[in-house]
């Protein structure tokens, strides 16, 4: 089950709208149905990046699907564009971590993804 978590020092006026758009984009980028995507926004946080508290973000994407060297570049590019458009944060004001925890380390529906073979 793909997971995307966004922390930013920018105030997001409409969480539901932001999460809906983020969830759809994440599903598209990972090739997964939106019904599998878990999205989290934590806005208006204290972030200090590059020696300044100017608008910034940190993002964590965890997925056992579709991550890899070349595809990660595309994911990073598209997410950076999304955050620039939605938060006004320049590309050099955010960090995106793309992580594959392994199917054996991802639990869902009372078991792991290895057991479910998805």
Protein backbone atom coordinates (compact mmCIF):
# COMPACT_ATOMS: atom_id res chain seq x y z
CA UNK A 1 0.00 0.00 0.00
CA UNK A 2 1.67 3.22 -1.11
CA UNK A 3 2.00 5.97 1.46
CA UNK A 4 2.87 9.64 0.97
CA UNK A 5 3.48 11.99 3.87
CA UNK A 6 4.05 15.72 3.42
CA UNK A 7 5.33 18.07 6.11
CA UNK A 8 5.56 21.74 5.27
CA UNK A 9 5.83 25.14 6.93
CA UNK A 10 3.22 26.45 4.48
CA UNK A 11 -0.40 26.71 5.62
CA UNK A 12 -2.62 24.60 3.34
CA UNK A 13 -6.07 26.23 3.25
CA UNK A 14 -8.04 23.16 2.14
CA UNK A 15 -6.64 19.85 3.38
CA UNK A 16 -9.26 17.69 1.64
CA UNK A 17 -8.65 19.27 -1.75
CA UNK A 18 -4.87 19.05 -1.35
CA UNK A 19 -5.01 15.41 -0.24
CA UNK A 20 -7.43 14.45 -2.99
CA UNK A 21 -5.15 15.88 -5.67
CA UNK A 22 -2.02 14.45 -4.03
CA UNK A 23 -3.60 11.01 -3.73
CA UNK A 24 -4.65 10.98 -7.39
CA UNK A 25 -1.18 12.08 -8.52
CA UNK A 26 0.56 9.52 -6.30
CA UNK A 27 -1.62 6.72 -7.64
CA UNK A 28 -0.89 7.83 -11.20
CA UNK A 29 2.87 8.05 -10.59
CA UNK A 30 3.03 4.65 -8.90
CA UNK A 31 0.61 2.92 -11.26
CA UNK A 32 -1.72 2.03 -8.40
CA UNK A 33 -5.43 2.64 -7.87
CA UNK A 34 -6.16 5.60 -5.65
CA UNK A 35 -8.04 3.23 -3.32
CA UNK A 36 -4.60 1.86 -2.29
CA UNK A 37 -3.00 5.27 -1.56
CA UNK A 38 -2.66 6.68 1.96
CA UNK A 39 -1.92 10.43 1.94
CA UNK A 40 -1.02 12.64 4.91
CA UNK A 41 -0.49 16.40 5.12
CA UNK A 42 1.03 18.13 8.14
CA UNK A 43 1.08 21.84 7.38
CA UNK A 44 2.08 25.00 9.23
CA UNK A 45 5.02 23.15 10.84
CA UNK A 46 8.31 24.62 12.00
CA UNK A 47 10.78 23.77 9.23
CA UNK A 48 14.22 25.28 8.90
CA UNK A 49 15.98 24.29 5.68
CA UNK A 50 19.12 25.70 4.09
CA UNK A 51 19.59 28.27 6.83
CA UNK A 52 16.14 29.83 6.44
CA UNK A 53 12.51 29.28 7.39
CA UNK A 54 11.28 30.22 3.89
CA UNK A 55 8.56 27.91 2.50
CA UNK A 56 9.84 24.34 2.41
CA UNK A 57 8.70 20.74 2.58
CA UNK A 58 9.84 17.23 3.38
CA UNK A 59 8.08 14.30 1.74
CA UNK A 60 8.27 10.61 2.40
CA UNK A 61 6.92 8.15 -0.18
CA UNK A 62 6.87 4.48 0.80
CA UNK A 63 5.84 1.90 -1.74
CA UNK A 64 6.62 -1.67 -2.67
CA UNK A 65 5.44 -0.82 -6.19
CA UNK A 66 7.12 1.04 -9.04
CA UNK A 67 10.14 2.57 -7.33
CA UNK A 68 13.49 2.41 -9.07
CA UNK A 69 16.37 4.52 -10.30
CA UNK A 70 14.86 5.99 -13.47
CA UNK A 71 11.24 6.08 -12.32
CA UNK A 72 12.22 7.83 -9.08
CA UNK A 73 13.53 10.76 -11.13
CA UNK A 74 10.13 11.11 -12.80
CA UNK A 75 8.30 10.80 -9.47
CA UNK A 76 10.53 13.44 -7.89
CA UNK A 77 10.05 15.80 -10.83
CA UNK A 78 6.25 15.48 -10.85
CA UNK A 79 5.92 15.79 -7.08
CA UNK A 80 8.23 18.84 -7.03
CA UNK A 81 6.04 20.48 -9.68
CA UNK A 82 2.92 19.67 -7.66
CA UNK A 83 4.37 21.22 -4.49
CA UNK A 84 5.51 24.30 -6.37
CA UNK A 85 2.01 24.77 -7.81
CA UNK A 86 0.15 24.03 -4.56
CA UNK A 87 2.52 25.38 -1.91
CA UNK A 88 4.61 27.90 -3.82
CA UNK A 89 7.80 26.14 -2.77
CA UNK A 90 10.69 26.22 -5.25
CA UNK A 91 12.19 22.84 -6.18
CA UNK A 92 15.31 23.55 -4.15
CA UNK A 93 13.24 24.04 -0.98
CA UNK A 94 12.12 20.45 -0.55
CA UNK A 95 13.40 16.95 -0.03
CA UNK A 96 11.58 13.85 -1.26
CA UNK A 97 12.49 10.44 0.15
CA UNK A 98 11.42 7.49 -2.01
CA UNK A 99 11.60 4.25 -0.08
CA UNK A 100 10.72 0.62 -0.77
CA UNK A 101 10.24 -1.02 2.66
CA UNK A 102 9.90 -4.50 1.11
CA UNK A 103 6.71 -6.55 0.99
CA UNK A 104 7.70 -8.42 4.13
CA UNK A 105 7.80 -5.11 6.04
CA UNK A 106 4.42 -3.79 4.91
CA UNK A 107 1.36 -4.92 6.85
CA UNK A 108 -2.21 -4.60 5.64
CA UNK A 109 -5.49 -6.31 6.44
CA UNK A 110 -3.97 -8.34 9.27
CA UNK A 111 -1.02 -9.78 7.36
CA UNK A 112 1.86 -8.67 5.14
CA UNK A 113 1.97 -8.00 1.42
CA UNK A 114 4.18 -11.08 0.96
CA UNK A 115 1.34 -13.25 2.24
CA UNK A 116 -1.19 -11.45 0.05
CA UNK A 117 1.09 -11.69 -2.99
CA UNK A 118 0.20 -8.20 -4.25
